[in-house]
Amino acid sequence: AGAWLRHHLTTKVFPAWYGTTWDFN
């Protein structure tokens, strides 16, 4: 479970958010 989750988050989920505009609020 830990290995799957680590892979899922770092290679699929978080990259989907890359490029989202950052704003403090």
PDB file of all heavy atoms in Angstrom:
ATOM      1  N   ALA A   1       0.831  -1.207   0.000  1.00  0.00           N
ATOM      2  CA  ALA A   1       0.000   0.000   0.000  1.00  0.00           C
ATOM      3  C   ALA A   1       0.864   1.255   0.000  1.00  0.00           C
ATOM      4  O   ALA A   1       0.605   2.197  -0.750  1.00  0.00           O
ATOM      5  CB  ALA A   1      -0.939  -0.002   1.209  1.00  0.00           C
ATOM      6  N   GLY A   2       1.893   1.260   0.830  1.00  0.00           N
ATOM      7  CA  GLY A   2       2.791   2.418   0.886  1.00  0.00           C
ATOM      8  C   GLY A   2       3.512   2.651  -0.425  1.00  0.00           C
ATOM      9  O   GLY A   2       3.611   3.783  -0.903  1.00  0.00           O
ATOM     10  N   ALA A   3       4.006   1.579  -1.029  1.00  0.00           N
ATOM     11  CA  ALA A   3       4.712   1.703  -2.308  1.00  0.00           C
ATOM     12  C   ALA A   3       3.771   2.185  -3.400  1.00  0.00           C
ATOM     13  O   ALA A   3       4.119   3.061  -4.206  1.00  0.00           O
ATOM     14  CB  ALA A   3       5.341   0.362  -2.699  1.00  0.00           C
ATOM     15  N   TRP A   4       2.566   1.626  -3.441  1.00  0.00           N
ATOM     16  CA  TRP A   4       1.601   2.053  -4.455  1.00  0.00           C
ATOM     17  C   TRP A   4       1.237   3.525  -4.270  1.00  0.00           C
ATOM     18  O   TRP A   4       1.228   4.290  -5.226  1.00  0.00           O
ATOM     19  CB  TRP A   4       0.333   1.182  -4.402  1.00  0.00           C
ATOM     20  CG  TRP A   4      -0.601   1.549  -5.509  1.00  0.00           C
ATOM     21  CD1 TRP A   4      -0.609   1.041  -6.780  1.00  0.00           C
ATOM     22  CD2 TRP A   4      -1.623   2.551  -5.484  1.00  0.00           C
ATOM     23  NE1 TRP A   4      -1.571   1.666  -7.531  1.00  0.00           N
ATOM     24  CE2 TRP A   4      -2.213   2.599  -6.761  1.00  0.00           C
ATOM     25  CE3 TRP A   4      -2.098   3.419  -4.509  1.00  0.00           C
ATOM     26  CZ2 TRP A   4      -3.257   3.469  -7.089  1.00  0.00           C
ATOM     27  CZ3 TRP A   4      -3.125   4.292  -4.827  1.00  0.00           C
ATOM     28  CH2 TRP A   4      -3.701   4.309  -6.101  1.00  0.00           C
ATOM     29  N   LEU A   5       0.944   3.898  -3.042  1.00  0.00           N
ATOM     30  CA  LEU A   5       0.545   5.277  -2.769  1.00  0.00           C
ATOM     31  C   LEU A   5       1.658   6.258  -3.113  1.00  0.00           C
ATOM     32  O   LEU A   5       1.424   7.289  -3.746  1.00  0.00           O
ATOM     33  CB  LEU A   5       0.146   5.435  -1.300  1.00  0.00           C
ATOM     34  CG  LEU A   5      -0.337   6.823  -0.893  1.00  0.00           C
ATOM     35  CD1 LEU A   5      -1.603   7.202  -1.656  1.00  0.00           C
ATOM     36  CD2 LEU A   5      -0.578   6.872   0.600  1.00  0.00           C
ATOM     37  N   ARG A   6       2.869   5.948  -2.724  1.00  0.00           N
ATOM     38  CA  ARG A   6       4.012   6.812  -3.031  1.00  0.00           C
ATOM     39  C   ARG A   6       4.139   7.006  -4.543  1.00  0.00           C
ATOM     40  O   ARG A   6       4.292   8.116  -5.031  1.00  0.00           O
ATOM     41  CB  ARG A   6       5.295   6.217  -2.445  1.00  0.00           C
ATOM     42  CG  ARG A   6       6.498   7.114  -2.531  1.00  0.00           C
ATOM     43  CD  ARG A   6       7.724   6.502  -1.826  1.00  0.00           C
ATOM     44  NE  ARG A   6       7.438   6.085  -0.449  1.00  0.00           N
ATOM     45  CZ  ARG A   6       7.304   4.809  -0.050  1.00  0.00           C
ATOM     46  NH1 ARG A   6       7.456   3.824  -0.896  1.00  0.00           N
ATOM     47  NH2 ARG A   6       7.049   4.536   1.216  1.00  0.00           N
ATOM     48  N   HIS A   7       4.051   5.911  -5.284  1.00  0.00           N
ATOM     49  CA  HIS A   7       4.155   5.986  -6.747  1.00  0.00           C
ATOM     50  C   HIS A   7       2.983   6.779  -7.333  1.00  0.00           C
ATOM     51  O   HIS A   7       3.168   7.647  -8.189  1.00  0.00           O
ATOM     52  CB  HIS A   7       4.202   4.585  -7.347  1.00  0.00           C
ATOM     53  CG  HIS A   7       4.275   4.580  -8.829  1.00  0.00           C
ATOM     54  ND1 HIS A   7       5.452   4.799  -9.510  1.00  0.00           N
ATOM     55  CD2 HIS A   7       3.317   4.419  -9.771  1.00  0.00           C
ATOM     56  CE1 HIS A   7       5.216   4.763 -10.809  1.00  0.00           C
ATOM     57  NE2 HIS A   7       3.931   4.540 -10.987  1.00  0.00           N
ATOM     58  N   HIS A   8       1.788   6.476  -6.874  1.00  0.00           N
ATOM     59  CA  HIS A   8       0.572   7.131  -7.378  1.00  0.00           C
ATOM     60  C   HIS A   8       0.635   8.645  -7.164  1.00  0.00           C
ATOM     61  O   HIS A   8       0.364   9.417  -8.080  1.00  0.00           O
ATOM     62  CB  HIS A   8      -0.644   6.531  -6.670  1.00  0.00           C
ATOM     63  CG  HIS A   8      -1.957   7.088  -7.099  1.00  0.00           C
ATOM     64  ND1 HIS A   8      -2.518   6.837  -8.335  1.00  0.00           N
ATOM     65  CD2 HIS A   8      -2.842   7.900  -6.457  1.00  0.00           C
ATOM     66  CE1 HIS A   8      -3.679   7.459  -8.441  1.00  0.00           C
ATOM     67  NE2 HIS A   8      -3.901   8.114  -7.304  1.00  0.00           N
ATOM     68  N   LEU A   9       1.004   9.051  -5.965  1.00  0.00           N
ATOM     69  CA  LEU A   9       1.052  10.483  -5.657  1.00  0.00           C
ATOM     70  C   LEU A   9       2.176  11.201  -6.404  1.00  0.00           C
ATOM     71  O   LEU A   9       1.953  12.282  -6.970  1.00  0.00           O
ATOM     72  CB  LEU A   9       1.211  10.705  -4.149  1.00  0.00           C
ATOM     73  CG  LEU A   9       0.005  10.343  -3.288  1.00  0.00           C
ATOM     74  CD1 LEU A   9       0.365  10.455  -1.812  1.00  0.00           C
ATOM     75  CD2 LEU A   9      -1.209  11.200  -3.623  1.00  0.00           C
ATOM     76  N   THR A  10       3.356  10.619  -6.413  1.00  0.00           N
ATOM     77  CA  THR A  10       4.515  11.339  -6.957  1.00  0.00           C
ATOM     78  C   THR A  10       4.607  11.300  -8.475  1.00  0.00           C
ATOM     79  O   THR A  10       5.202  12.198  -9.065  1.00  0.00           O
ATOM     80  CB  THR A  10       5.839  10.827  -6.361  1.00  0.00           C
ATOM     81  OG1 THR A  10       5.998   9.441  -6.674  1.00  0.00           O
ATOM     82  CG2 THR A  10       5.867  11.039  -4.857  1.00  0.00           C
ATOM     83  N   THR A  11       4.036  10.286  -9.117  1.00  0.00           N
ATOM     84  CA  THR A  11       4.156  10.208 -10.573  1.00  0.00           C
ATOM     85  C   THR A  11       2.870  10.526 -11.316  1.00  0.00           C
ATOM     86  O   THR A  11       2.908  10.756 -12.522  1.00  0.00           O
ATOM     87  CB  THR A  11       4.640   8.814 -11.023  1.00  0.00           C
ATOM     88  OG1 THR A  11       3.638   7.839 -10.714  1.00  0.00           O
ATOM     89  CG2 THR A  11       5.961   8.453 -10.377  1.00  0.00           C
ATOM     90  N   LYS A  12       1.755  10.547 -10.619  1.00  0.00           N
ATOM     91  CA  LYS A  12       0.469  10.788 -11.289  1.00  0.00           C
ATOM     92  C   LYS A  12      -0.271  12.006 -10.722  1.00  0.00           C
ATOM     93  O   LYS A  12      -0.635  12.913 -11.447  1.00  0.00           O
ATOM     94  CB  LYS A  12      -0.440   9.560 -11.153  1.00  0.00           C
ATOM     95  CG  LYS A  12       0.166   8.258 -11.567  1.00  0.00           C
ATOM     96  CD  LYS A  12       0.113   8.084 -13.048  1.00  0.00           C
ATOM     97  CE  LYS A  12       0.611   6.681 -13.385  1.00  0.00           C
ATOM     98  NZ  LYS A  12       1.229   6.611 -14.662  1.00  0.00           N
ATOM     99  N   VAL A  13      -0.505  11.990  -9.414  1.00  0.00           N
ATOM    100  CA  VAL A  13      -1.372  12.997  -8.797  1.00  0.00           C
ATOM    101  C   VAL A  13      -0.706  14.369  -8.730  1.00  0.00           C
ATOM    102  O   VAL A  13      -1.241  15.350  -9.259  1.00  0.00           O
ATOM    103  CB  VAL A  13      -1.833  12.537  -7.395  1.00  0.00           C
ATOM    104  CG1 VAL A  13      -2.614  13.632  -6.694  1.00  0.00           C
ATOM    105  CG2 VAL A  13      -2.674  11.265  -7.524  1.00  0.00           C
ATOM    106  N   PHE A  14       0.443  14.468  -8.066  1.00  0.00           N
ATOM    107  CA  PHE A  14       1.078  15.775  -7.938  1.00  0.00           C
ATOM    108  C   PHE A  14       1.452  16.382  -9.291  1.00  0.00           C
ATOM    109  O   PHE A  14       1.245  17.583  -9.492  1.00  0.00           O
ATOM    110  CB  PHE A  14       2.278  15.725  -6.991  1.00  0.00           C
ATOM    111  CG  PHE A  14       1.877  15.540  -5.541  1.00  0.00           C
ATOM    112  CD1 PHE A  14       2.489  14.577  -4.766  1.00  0.00           C
ATOM    113  CD2 PHE A  14       0.890  16.322  -4.961  1.00  0.00           C
ATOM    114  CE1 PHE A  14       2.128  14.401  -3.439  1.00  0.00           C
ATOM    115  CE2 PHE A  14       0.519  16.157  -3.639  1.00  0.00           C
ATOM    116  CZ  PHE A  14       1.138  15.191  -2.868  1.00  0.00           C
ATOM    117  N   PRO A  15       1.946  15.583 -10.262  1.00  0.00           N
ATOM    118  CA  PRO A  15       2.232  16.191 -11.567  1.00  0.00           C
ATOM    119  C   PRO A  15       0.997  16.800 -12.245  1.00  0.00           C
ATOM    120  O   PRO A  15       1.127  17.745 -13.020  1.00  0.00           O
ATOM    121  CB  PRO A  15       2.796  15.027 -12.388  1.00  0.00           C
ATOM    122  CG  PRO A  15       3.444  14.153 -11.375  1.00  0.00           C
ATOM    123  CD  PRO A  15       2.516  14.227 -10.172  1.00  0.00           C
ATOM    124  N   ALA A  16      -0.186  16.284 -11.941  1.00  0.00           N
ATOM    125  CA  ALA A  16      -1.402  16.867 -12.511  1.00  0.00           C
ATOM    126  C   ALA A  16      -1.592  18.310 -12.052  1.00  0.00           C
ATOM    127  O   ALA A  16      -2.185  19.122 -12.750  1.00  0.00           O
ATOM    128  CB  ALA A  16      -2.619  16.034 -12.122  1.00  0.00           C
ATOM    129  N   TRP A  17      -1.061  18.627 -10.881  1.00  0.00           N
ATOM    130  CA  TRP A  17      -1.197  19.965 -10.312  1.00  0.00           C
ATOM    131  C   TRP A  17      -0.106  20.919 -10.771  1.00  0.00           C
ATOM    132  O   TRP A  17      -0.237  22.134 -10.606  1.00  0.00           O
ATOM    133  CB  TRP A  17      -1.199  19.884  -8.786  1.00  0.00           C
ATOM    134  CG  TRP A  17      -2.473  19.317  -8.267  1.00  0.00           C
ATOM    135  CD1 TRP A  17      -2.787  17.997  -8.086  1.00  0.00           C
ATOM    136  CD2 TRP A  17      -3.635  20.047  -7.890  1.00  0.00           C
ATOM    137  NE1 TRP A  17      -4.061  17.864  -7.621  1.00  0.00           N
ATOM    138  CE2 TRP A  17      -4.609  19.112  -7.491  1.00  0.00           C
ATOM    139  CE3 TRP A  17      -3.954  21.403  -7.853  1.00  0.00           C
ATOM    140  CZ2 TRP A  17      -5.866  19.487  -7.054  1.00  0.00           C
ATOM    141  CZ3 TRP A  17      -5.213  21.772  -7.405  1.00  0.00           C
ATOM    142  CH2 TRP A  17      -6.146  20.826  -7.023  1.00  0.00           C
ATOM    143  N   TYR A  18       0.989  20.388 -11.331  1.00  0.00           N
ATOM    144  CA  TYR A  18       2.074  21.253 -11.790  1.00  0.00           C
ATOM    145  C   TYR A  18       1.521  22.203 -12.843  1.00  0.00           C
ATOM    146  O   TYR A  18       0.801  21.796 -13.741  1.00  0.00           O
ATOM    147  CB  TYR A  18       3.227  20.449 -12.389  1.00  0.00           C
ATOM    148  CG  TYR A  18       3.906  19.493 -11.445  1.00  0.00           C
ATOM    149  CD1 TYR A  18       4.772  18.535 -11.928  1.00  0.00           C
ATOM    150  CD2 TYR A  18       3.678  19.524 -10.074  1.00  0.00           C
ATOM    151  CE1 TYR A  18       5.416  17.644 -11.078  1.00  0.00           C
ATOM    152  CE2 TYR A  18       4.314  18.635  -9.225  1.00  0.00           C
ATOM    153  CZ  TYR A  18       5.179  17.700  -9.730  1.00  0.00           C
ATOM    154  OH  TYR A  18       5.797  16.818  -8.885  1.00  0.00           O
ATOM    155  N   GLY A  19       1.863  23.443 -12.726  1.00  0.00           N
ATOM    156  CA  GLY A  19       1.358  24.444 -13.659  1.00  0.00           C
ATOM    157  C   GLY A  19       0.136  25.176 -13.142  1.00  0.00           C
ATOM    158  O   GLY A  19      -0.298  26.149 -13.756  1.00  0.00           O
ATOM    159  N   THR A  20      -0.437  24.727 -12.025  1.00  0.00           N
ATOM    160  CA  THR A  20      -1.549  25.467 -11.419  1.00  0.00           C
ATOM    161  C   THR A  20      -0.978  26.775 -10.882  1.00  0.00           C
ATOM    162  O   THR A  20       0.060  26.792 -10.234  1.00  0.00           O
ATOM    163  CB  THR A  20      -2.192  24.652 -10.274  1.00  0.00           C
ATOM    164  OG1 THR A  20      -2.587  23.380 -10.776  1.00  0.00           O
ATOM    165  CG2 THR A  20      -3.398  25.382  -9.691  1.00  0.00           C
ATOM    166  N   THR A  21      -1.637  27.863 -11.160  1.00  0.00           N
ATOM    167  CA  THR A  21      -1.158  29.178 -10.736  1.00  0.00           C
ATOM    168  C   THR A  21      -1.108  29.250  -9.214  1.00  0.00           C
ATOM    169  O   THR A  21      -2.070  28.897  -8.533  1.00  0.00           O
ATOM    170  CB  THR A  21      -2.086  30.289 -11.278  1.00  0.00           C
ATOM    171  OG1 THR A  21      -2.144  30.167 -12.696  1.00  0.00           O
ATOM    172  CG2 THR A  21      -1.579  31.658 -10.892  1.00  0.00           C
ATOM    173  N   TRP A  22       0.040  29.696  -8.693  1.00  0.00           N
ATOM    174  CA  TRP A  22       0.198  29.838  -7.251  1.00  0.00           C
ATOM    175  C   TRP A  22      -0.329  31.196  -6.821  1.00  0.00           C
ATOM    176  O   TRP A  22      -0.142  32.217  -7.482  1.00  0.00           O
ATOM    177  CB  TRP A  22       1.670  29.731  -6.839  1.00  0.00           C
ATOM    178  CG  TRP A  22       1.841  29.921  -5.355  1.00  0.00           C
ATOM    179  CD1 TRP A  22       1.728  28.959  -4.401  1.00  0.00           C
ATOM    180  CD2 TRP A  22       2.102  31.138  -4.666  1.00  0.00           C
ATOM    181  NE1 TRP A  22       1.916  29.493  -3.151  1.00  0.00           N
ATOM    182  CE2 TRP A  22       2.143  30.845  -3.285  1.00  0.00           C
ATOM    183  CE3 TRP A  22       2.298  32.459  -5.069  1.00  0.00           C
ATOM    184  CZ2 TRP A  22       2.376  31.807  -2.317  1.00  0.00           C
ATOM    185  CZ3 TRP A  22       2.523  33.415  -4.092  1.00  0.00           C
ATOM    186  CH2 TRP A  22       2.568  33.087  -2.731  1.00  0.00           C
ATOM    187  N   ASP A  23      -1.007  31.217  -5.679  1.00  0.00           N
ATOM    188  CA  ASP A  23      -1.413  32.461  -5.030  1.00  0.00           C
ATOM    189  C   ASP A  23      -1.495  32.177  -3.536  1.00  0.00           C
ATOM    190  O   ASP A  23      -1.978  31.119  -3.124  1.00  0.00           O
ATOM    191  CB  ASP A  23      -2.785  32.926  -5.539  1.00  0.00           C
ATOM    192  CG  ASP A  23      -3.183  34.256  -4.923  1.00  0.00           C
ATOM    193  OD1 ASP A  23      -2.714  35.290  -5.409  1.00  0.00           O
ATOM    194  OD2 ASP A  23      -3.956  34.236  -3.928  1.00  0.00           O
ATOM    195  N   PHE A  24      -1.022  33.120  -2.730  1.00  0.00           N
ATOM    196  CA  PHE A  24      -1.009  32.948  -1.277  1.00  0.00           C
ATOM    197  C   PHE A  24      -2.393  32.586  -0.745  1.00  0.00           C
ATOM    198  O   PHE A  24      -2.519  31.846   0.230  1.00  0.00           O
ATOM    199  CB  PHE A  24      -0.504  34.226  -0.609  1.00  0.00           C
ATOM    200  CG  PHE A  24      -0.386  34.119   0.882  1.00  0.00           C
ATOM    201  CD1 PHE A  24       0.708  33.489   1.464  1.00  0.00           C
ATOM    202  CD2 PHE A  24      -1.368  34.638   1.712  1.00  0.00           C
ATOM    203  CE1 PHE A  24       0.819  33.369   2.840  1.00  0.00           C
ATOM    204  CE2 PHE A  24      -1.270  34.529   3.091  1.00  0.00           C
ATOM    205  CZ  PHE A  24      -0.169  33.899   3.653  1.00  0.00           C
ATOM    206  N   ASN A  25      -3.459  33.093  -1.361  1.00  0.00           N
ATOM    207  CA  ASN A  25      -4.825  32.836  -0.909  1.00  0.00           C
ATOM    208  C   ASN A  25      -5.556  31.805  -1.770  1.00  0.00           C
ATOM    209  O   ASN A  25      -6.753  31.624  -1.627  1.00  0.00           O
ATOM    210  CB  ASN A  25      -5.619  34.142  -0.897  1.00  0.00           C
ATOM    211  CG  ASN A  25      -5.038  35.131   0.077  1.00  0.00           C
ATOM    212  OD1 ASN A  25      -4.871  34.835   1.259  1.00  0.00           O
ATOM    213  ND2 ASN A  25      -4.681  36.314  -0.406  1.00  0.00           N
TER     214      ASN A  25
END
